[in-house]
Amino acid sequence: MAATRYPVAPGVRLNVRSGPGTNYRLVKILPYGASVPINCQKAGETITGPYGTTNLWDNIANGQFVSDAYVYTGSDGYIAPRCS
């Protein structure tokens, strides 16, 4: 079964970081209209985005994190296991 994918906020090209904060290295930039899987979630830098203010970061691939404030999950809390 394919992993659930969550849409990135409309009109946003989202920065993907190597860890849960803007001080981490920029890995890549997602295109407009992207959707992402969420493998696990981790607390990190607090970010304000289209979906509120949160310190949750979503792991979308090995070593790739995006702020949950830019991903529509339908929840303000954890929707995936915590990253170890």
N, C-alpha and C. Protein backbone atom coordinates (compact mmCIF):
# COMPACT_ATOMS: atom_id res chain seq x y z
N MET A 1 0.83 -1.19 0.00
CA MET A 1 0.00 0.00 0.00
C MET A 1 0.87 1.25 0.00
N ALA A 2 0.52 2.20 -0.82
CA ALA A 2 1.31 3.44 -0.91
C ALA A 2 1.08 4.30 0.33
N ALA A 3 2.10 5.02 0.70
CA ALA A 3 1.99 5.93 1.85
C ALA A 3 1.02 7.06 1.51
N THR A 4 0.29 7.51 2.52
CA THR A 4 -0.57 8.67 2.33
C THR A 4 0.30 9.88 2.01
N ARG A 5 -0.16 10.68 1.06
CA ARG A 5 0.57 11.90 0.71
C ARG A 5 -0.28 13.10 1.13
N TYR A 6 0.39 14.13 1.63
CA TYR A 6 -0.28 15.32 2.14
C TYR A 6 0.10 16.51 1.28
N PRO A 7 -0.89 17.35 0.92
CA PRO A 7 -0.59 18.48 0.03
C PRO A 7 0.15 19.61 0.74
N VAL A 8 1.12 20.17 0.03
CA VAL A 8 1.80 21.38 0.47
C VAL A 8 0.88 22.56 0.17
N ALA A 9 0.93 23.61 0.99
CA ALA A 9 0.05 24.77 0.82
C ALA A 9 0.12 25.29 -0.62
N PRO A 10 -1.04 25.69 -1.17
CA PRO A 10 -1.07 26.21 -2.55
C PRO A 10 -0.17 27.43 -2.71
N GLY A 11 0.49 27.52 -3.86
CA GLY A 11 1.31 28.69 -4.16
C GLY A 11 2.62 28.75 -3.41
N VAL A 12 3.02 27.61 -2.83
CA VAL A 12 4.26 27.58 -2.05
C VAL A 12 5.26 26.63 -2.70
N ARG A 13 6.48 27.13 -2.88
CA ARG A 13 7.60 26.25 -3.23
C ARG A 13 8.34 26.02 -1.93
N LEU A 14 8.22 24.83 -1.38
CA LEU A 14 8.64 24.56 0.00
C LEU A 14 10.09 24.11 0.09
N ASN A 15 10.83 24.78 0.99
CA ASN A 15 12.21 24.39 1.26
C ASN A 15 12.24 23.08 2.03
N VAL A 16 13.10 22.17 1.59
CA VAL A 16 13.32 20.90 2.29
C VAL A 16 14.68 20.99 2.97
N ARG A 17 14.70 20.73 4.27
CA ARG A 17 15.92 20.89 5.07
C ARG A 17 16.45 19.53 5.52
N SER A 18 17.72 19.49 5.87
CA SER A 18 18.34 18.24 6.32
C SER A 18 17.98 17.90 7.77
N GLY A 19 17.33 18.84 8.47
CA GLY A 19 16.89 18.60 9.85
C GLY A 19 15.73 19.52 10.18
N PRO A 20 15.21 19.45 11.42
CA PRO A 20 13.99 20.17 11.79
C PRO A 20 14.21 21.64 12.16
N GLY A 21 14.68 22.43 11.20
CA GLY A 21 14.87 23.86 11.45
C GLY A 21 15.48 24.54 10.25
N THR A 22 15.33 25.88 10.19
CA THR A 22 15.84 26.63 9.04
C THR A 22 17.36 26.77 9.08
N ASN A 23 17.96 26.42 10.22
CA ASN A 23 19.43 26.46 10.31
C ASN A 23 20.08 25.23 9.68
N TYR A 24 19.26 24.25 9.32
CA TYR A 24 19.80 23.05 8.65
C TYR A 24 19.98 23.32 7.17
N ARG A 25 20.85 22.52 6.56
CA ARG A 25 21.17 22.69 5.14
C ARG A 25 19.93 22.52 4.26
N LEU A 26 19.82 23.39 3.25
CA LEU A 26 18.74 23.28 2.26
C LEU A 26 19.07 22.11 1.34
N VAL A 27 18.18 21.12 1.31
CA VAL A 27 18.41 19.92 0.50
C VAL A 27 17.86 20.12 -0.91
N LYS A 28 16.63 20.63 -0.98
CA LYS A 28 15.99 20.89 -2.28
C LYS A 28 14.77 21.76 -2.04
N ILE A 29 14.12 22.18 -3.12
CA ILE A 29 12.90 22.97 -3.04
C ILE A 29 11.80 22.22 -3.79
N LEU A 30 10.69 21.99 -3.11
CA LEU A 30 9.58 21.29 -3.75
C LEU A 30 8.85 22.23 -4.70
N PRO A 31 8.35 21.72 -5.82
CA PRO A 31 7.63 22.57 -6.77
C PRO A 31 6.24 22.92 -6.26
N TYR A 32 5.61 23.92 -6.90
CA TYR A 32 4.22 24.25 -6.61
C TYR A 32 3.36 23.00 -6.79
N GLY A 33 2.37 22.83 -5.91
CA GLY A 33 1.43 21.72 -6.08
C GLY A 33 1.96 20.38 -5.61
N ALA A 34 3.08 20.38 -4.90
CA ALA A 34 3.66 19.12 -4.44
C ALA A 34 2.82 18.51 -3.33
N SER A 35 2.91 17.20 -3.19
CA SER A 35 2.38 16.53 -2.01
C SER A 35 3.48 15.62 -1.49
N VAL A 36 3.46 15.40 -0.19
CA VAL A 36 4.58 14.69 0.44
C VAL A 36 4.08 13.56 1.33
N PRO A 37 4.85 12.47 1.42
CA PRO A 37 4.55 11.45 2.44
C PRO A 37 5.12 11.95 3.76
N ILE A 38 4.55 11.52 4.86
CA ILE A 38 5.13 11.85 6.17
C ILE A 38 5.50 10.53 6.85
N ASN A 39 6.81 10.28 6.91
CA ASN A 39 7.30 9.02 7.48
C ASN A 39 7.28 9.07 9.01
N CYS A 40 7.67 10.23 9.54
CA CYS A 40 7.67 10.44 10.98
C CYS A 40 7.74 11.94 11.21
N GLN A 41 7.54 12.35 12.46
CA GLN A 41 7.55 13.78 12.77
C GLN A 41 8.45 14.04 13.97
N LYS A 42 9.00 15.26 14.00
CA LYS A 42 9.98 15.60 15.02
C LYS A 42 9.78 17.06 15.44
N ALA A 43 9.93 17.34 16.72
CA ALA A 43 9.87 18.72 17.19
C ALA A 43 11.16 19.43 16.81
N GLY A 44 11.03 20.72 16.45
CA GLY A 44 12.21 21.49 16.07
C GLY A 44 11.89 22.97 16.17
N GLU A 45 12.44 23.74 15.25
CA GLU A 45 12.22 25.18 15.24
C GLU A 45 10.74 25.50 15.02
N THR A 46 10.23 26.50 15.74
CA THR A 46 8.84 26.92 15.57
C THR A 46 8.72 27.80 14.33
N ILE A 47 7.77 27.45 13.46
CA ILE A 47 7.56 28.13 12.18
C ILE A 47 6.09 28.54 12.08
N THR A 48 5.85 29.71 11.51
CA THR A 48 4.48 30.12 11.20
C THR A 48 4.28 30.05 9.69
N GLY A 49 3.21 29.37 9.28
CA GLY A 49 2.92 29.21 7.86
C GLY A 49 1.42 29.27 7.62
N PRO A 50 0.98 28.89 6.42
CA PRO A 50 -0.44 28.96 6.06
C PRO A 50 -1.33 28.14 6.98
N TYR A 51 -0.79 27.11 7.60
CA TYR A 51 -1.60 26.23 8.45
C TYR A 51 -1.28 26.42 9.93
N GLY A 52 -0.85 27.63 10.28
CA GLY A 52 -0.66 27.95 11.69
C GLY A 52 0.79 27.99 12.11
N THR A 53 0.99 28.03 13.43
CA THR A 53 2.33 28.08 14.01
C THR A 53 2.58 26.76 14.72
N THR A 54 3.70 26.14 14.40
CA THR A 54 4.01 24.83 14.97
C THR A 54 5.51 24.62 15.06
N ASN A 55 5.91 23.73 15.96
CA ASN A 55 7.32 23.32 16.01
C ASN A 55 7.49 21.92 15.43
N LEU A 56 6.42 21.40 14.81
CA LEU A 56 6.49 20.07 14.20
C LEU A 56 7.14 20.13 12.82
N TRP A 57 8.03 19.19 12.58
CA TRP A 57 8.64 19.04 11.27
C TRP A 57 8.35 17.63 10.76
N ASP A 58 8.05 17.53 9.48
CA ASP A 58 7.68 16.27 8.85
C ASP A 58 8.87 15.69 8.10
N ASN A 59 9.16 14.42 8.37
CA ASN A 59 10.21 13.73 7.63
C ASN A 59 9.59 13.15 6.37
N ILE A 60 10.03 13.63 5.19
CA ILE A 60 9.42 13.20 3.93
C ILE A 60 10.30 12.20 3.17
N ALA A 61 11.53 12.06 3.61
CA ALA A 61 12.47 11.09 3.04
C ALA A 61 13.68 11.07 3.97
N ASN A 62 14.58 10.14 3.74
CA ASN A 62 15.76 10.05 4.60
C ASN A 62 16.54 11.37 4.58
N GLY A 63 16.66 12.01 5.75
CA GLY A 63 17.42 13.26 5.84
C GLY A 63 16.73 14.45 5.21
N GLN A 64 15.38 14.38 5.06
CA GLN A 64 14.64 15.49 4.44
C GLN A 64 13.43 15.86 5.30
N PHE A 65 13.42 17.12 5.74
CA PHE A 65 12.36 17.61 6.63
C PHE A 65 11.72 18.87 6.05
N VAL A 66 10.39 19.00 6.29
CA VAL A 66 9.67 20.23 5.95
C VAL A 66 8.85 20.64 7.16
N SER A 67 8.61 21.94 7.31
CA SER A 67 7.78 22.41 8.42
C SER A 67 6.33 21.98 8.22
N ASP A 68 5.73 21.45 9.29
CA ASP A 68 4.32 21.03 9.23
C ASP A 68 3.38 22.21 9.03
N ALA A 69 3.86 23.44 9.26
CA ALA A 69 3.03 24.64 9.06
C ALA A 69 2.68 24.84 7.58
N TYR A 70 3.39 24.15 6.69
CA TYR A 70 3.16 24.28 5.24
C TYR A 70 2.55 23.04 4.62
N VAL A 71 2.21 22.04 5.43
CA VAL A 71 1.66 20.79 4.92
C VAL A 71 0.27 20.60 5.52
N TYR A 72 -0.72 20.34 4.67
CA TYR A 72 -2.08 20.17 5.16
C TYR A 72 -2.30 18.73 5.60
N THR A 73 -2.33 18.54 6.93
CA THR A 73 -2.56 17.20 7.48
C THR A 73 -3.94 17.07 8.11
N GLY A 74 -4.64 18.19 8.30
CA GLY A 74 -5.93 18.16 8.95
C GLY A 74 -5.84 18.10 10.47
N SER A 75 -4.62 18.25 11.00
CA SER A 75 -4.41 18.16 12.45
C SER A 75 -3.35 19.15 12.88
N ASP A 76 -3.46 19.63 14.12
CA ASP A 76 -2.42 20.50 14.67
C ASP A 76 -1.36 19.70 15.43
N GLY A 77 -1.59 18.40 15.56
CA GLY A 77 -0.67 17.57 16.34
C GLY A 77 0.01 16.52 15.48
N TYR A 78 0.60 15.57 16.16
CA TYR A 78 1.29 14.48 15.46
C TYR A 78 0.27 13.61 14.71
N ILE A 79 0.58 13.31 13.46
CA ILE A 79 -0.26 12.38 12.68
C ILE A 79 0.58 11.19 12.21
N ALA A 80 1.83 11.16 12.65
CA ALA A 80 2.75 10.07 12.29
C ALA A 80 3.61 9.78 13.51
N PRO A 81 4.31 8.64 13.52
CA PRO A 81 5.18 8.36 14.67
C PRO A 81 6.26 9.42 14.83
N ARG A 82 6.76 9.58 16.04
CA ARG A 82 7.88 10.49 16.27
C ARG A 82 9.15 9.89 15.69
N CYS A 83 9.96 10.73 15.05
CA CYS A 83 11.23 10.26 14.49
C CYS A 83 12.16 9.90 15.65
N SER A 84 12.91 8.83 15.48
CA SER A 84 13.84 8.44 16.54
C SER A 84 15.13 9.23 16.44
